[in-house]
Protein backbone atom coordinates (compact mmCIF):
# COMPACT_ATOMS: atom_id res chain seq x y z
CA MET A 1 2.77 149.99 145.34
CA ILE A 2 1.13 153.41 145.74
CA GLU A 3 3.82 154.55 148.18
CA ARG A 4 6.63 153.52 145.82
CA THR A 5 4.94 155.24 142.86
CA PHE A 6 4.36 158.41 144.89
CA THR A 7 7.98 158.40 146.07
CA ARG A 8 9.26 157.99 142.51
CA ILE A 9 7.03 160.81 141.23
CA ALA A 10 7.88 163.05 144.20
CA ASN A 11 11.61 162.54 143.59
CA GLN A 12 11.26 163.33 139.88
CA VAL A 13 9.15 166.43 140.47
CA ALA A 14 11.47 167.67 143.24
CA HIS A 15 14.47 167.16 140.95
CA LEU A 16 12.81 168.94 138.03
CA ALA A 17 11.57 171.79 140.25
CA GLY A 18 15.14 172.49 141.34
CA LEU A 19 16.58 172.82 137.85
CA PRO A 20 17.56 176.25 136.51
CA VAL A 21 15.57 175.59 133.31
CA THR A 22 12.41 175.11 135.39
CA PHE A 23 12.95 178.48 137.05
CA ALA A 24 13.53 180.06 133.65
CA CYS A 25 10.31 178.51 132.31
CA CYS A 26 8.34 179.84 135.27
CA CYS A 27 9.79 183.31 134.74
CA LEU A 28 8.84 183.07 131.08
CA ILE A 29 5.26 182.09 131.96
CA VAL A 30 4.95 185.08 134.30
CA LEU A 31 6.47 187.38 131.67
CA VAL A 32 4.05 186.14 128.98
CA TRP A 33 1.15 186.52 131.41
CA ALA A 34 2.23 190.10 132.29
CA MET A 35 2.65 191.05 128.64
CA SER A 36 -0.80 189.67 127.84
CA GLY A 37 -2.35 192.04 130.41
CA PRO A 38 -3.07 194.86 127.95
CA VAL A 39 -4.61 192.40 125.47
CA PHE A 40 -7.08 191.20 128.11
CA GLY A 41 -7.52 194.67 129.61
CA PHE A 42 -5.98 193.60 132.93
CA SER A 43 -9.33 191.97 133.67
CA ASP A 44 -10.30 190.01 136.75
CA THR A 45 -10.19 186.81 134.69
CA TRP A 46 -6.65 187.64 133.55
CA GLN A 47 -5.58 188.05 137.20
CA LEU A 48 -7.51 184.97 138.29
CA ILE A 49 -5.59 182.79 135.81
CA ILE A 50 -2.17 183.52 137.35
CA ASN A 51 -3.49 183.50 140.91
CA THR A 52 -5.21 180.14 140.48
CA GLY A 53 -2.26 178.59 138.67
CA THR A 54 0.32 179.69 141.22
CA THR A 55 -1.90 178.70 144.15
CA ILE A 56 -2.42 175.18 142.80
CA VAL A 57 1.27 174.68 142.03
CA THR A 58 2.29 176.03 145.45
CA PHE A 59 -0.27 173.85 147.24
CA LEU A 60 0.97 170.68 145.54
CA MET A 61 4.67 171.55 145.86
CA VAL A 62 4.35 172.01 149.63
CA PHE A 63 3.40 168.35 150.00
CA LEU A 64 6.06 167.10 147.59
CA ILE A 65 8.80 169.14 149.24
CA GLN A 66 7.71 168.04 152.71
CA ASN A 67 7.69 164.41 151.58
CA THR A 68 11.22 164.59 150.18
CA GLN A 69 12.49 166.44 153.26
CA ASN A 70 10.93 163.85 155.57
CA ARG A 71 12.58 161.00 153.67
CA ASP A 72 15.92 162.80 153.45
CA GLY A 73 15.83 163.58 157.17
CA ALA A 74 14.92 160.01 158.10
CA ALA A 75 17.66 158.60 155.85
CA MET A 76 20.23 161.00 157.31
CA GLN A 77 19.14 160.10 160.83
CA ALA A 78 19.45 156.37 160.08
CA LYS A 79 22.97 156.92 158.72
CA LEU A 80 23.99 158.93 161.78
CA ASP A 81 22.47 156.33 164.10
CA GLU A 82 24.48 153.62 162.36
CA LEU A 83 27.69 155.65 162.68
CA ILE A 84 27.01 156.14 166.39
CA ARG A 85 26.19 152.45 166.81
CA VAL A 86 29.45 151.21 165.26
CA SER A 87 31.72 153.89 166.76
CA LYS A 88 32.76 154.91 170.24
CA GLY A 89 29.87 157.38 170.34
CA HIS A 90 27.26 157.10 173.05
CA ASN A 91 24.40 154.85 171.93
CA HIS A 92 21.92 156.85 174.02
CA PHE A 93 22.03 159.51 171.28
CA ILE A 94 20.30 157.13 168.87
CA GLY A 95 16.68 158.16 168.46
CA ILE A 96 16.90 161.57 170.18
CA GLU A 97 15.09 163.12 167.21
CA HIS A 98 11.91 161.73 168.80
CA LEU A 99 12.39 163.73 172.02
CA THR A 100 10.80 167.07 172.74
CA GLU A 101 12.59 170.27 171.80
CA SER A 102 13.47 171.03 175.43
CA GLU A 103 14.86 167.51 175.96
CA VAL A 104 17.05 167.83 172.87
CA GLU A 105 18.17 171.28 174.07
CA ASP A 106 19.19 169.77 177.44
CA ILE A 107 21.26 167.12 175.65
CA ARG A 108 22.85 169.77 173.41
CA ARG A 109 23.75 171.88 176.44
CA THR A 110 25.25 168.84 178.18
CA CYS A 111 27.36 168.09 175.09
CA GLU A 112 28.55 171.70 174.86
CA ASN A 113 29.55 171.64 178.53
CA ALA A 114 31.45 168.38 177.99
CA VAL A 115 33.31 169.96 175.05
CA LYS A 116 34.23 173.00 177.18
CA ARG A 117 35.51 170.75 179.98
CA HIS A 118 37.53 168.76 177.44
CA GLU A 119 38.99 171.93 175.90
CA LYS A 120 40.03 173.20 179.35
CA GLN A 121 41.66 169.85 180.11
CA VAL A 122 43.54 169.85 176.78
CA ALA A 123 44.66 173.46 177.36
CA LYS A 124 45.88 172.55 180.84
CA GLU A 125 47.76 169.50 179.54
CA THR A 126 49.26 171.53 176.69
CA ALA A 127 50.40 174.25 179.08
CA HIS A 128 51.92 171.59 181.34
CA GLU A 129 53.80 170.05 178.36
CA VAL A 130 55.07 173.48 177.25
CA LEU A 131 56.34 174.24 180.75
CA LYS A 132 57.95 170.84 180.93
CA GLU A 133 59.71 171.38 177.57
CA GLU A 134 60.81 174.89 178.53
CA GLY A 135 62.23 173.55 181.78
CA GLY A 136 64.24 170.96 179.81
CA SER A 137 65.54 173.51 177.33
CA ARG A 138 66.60 175.85 180.16
CA LYS A 139 68.62 173.05 181.72
CA ARG A 140 70.34 172.40 178.37
CA THR A 141 71.18 176.09 177.82
CA ARG A 142 72.59 176.48 181.35
CA ALA A 143 74.95 173.54 180.98
């Protein structure tokens, strides 16, 4: 119950925080605060108001943004895992997000090397086909 409520609120706040009108409102608040500086004599209290407000909002937004990113990342990973599971992809890639950074780097390097080997093989086969076709066209032009 609490988790579902938090998720709903986090999604709404994250959505609202990303809207252009929200950015415009924040700019307006800062502008009004700056223009009120002379009225309050640029006092310590005047500065403390904006500092406290922005610190509190930043502190809370960090947790909301992290929450939405965690859920988005987990959902994306689940979708990719399902695509790997139902395709001809290697099932040993499922769950690699739980490995260490160096283990993931080793897998990435292995995949890059496999792609390079494949590209060389395709280039070799293509060159062989081109030579084969050129040989056939030479025979036709000689006849």
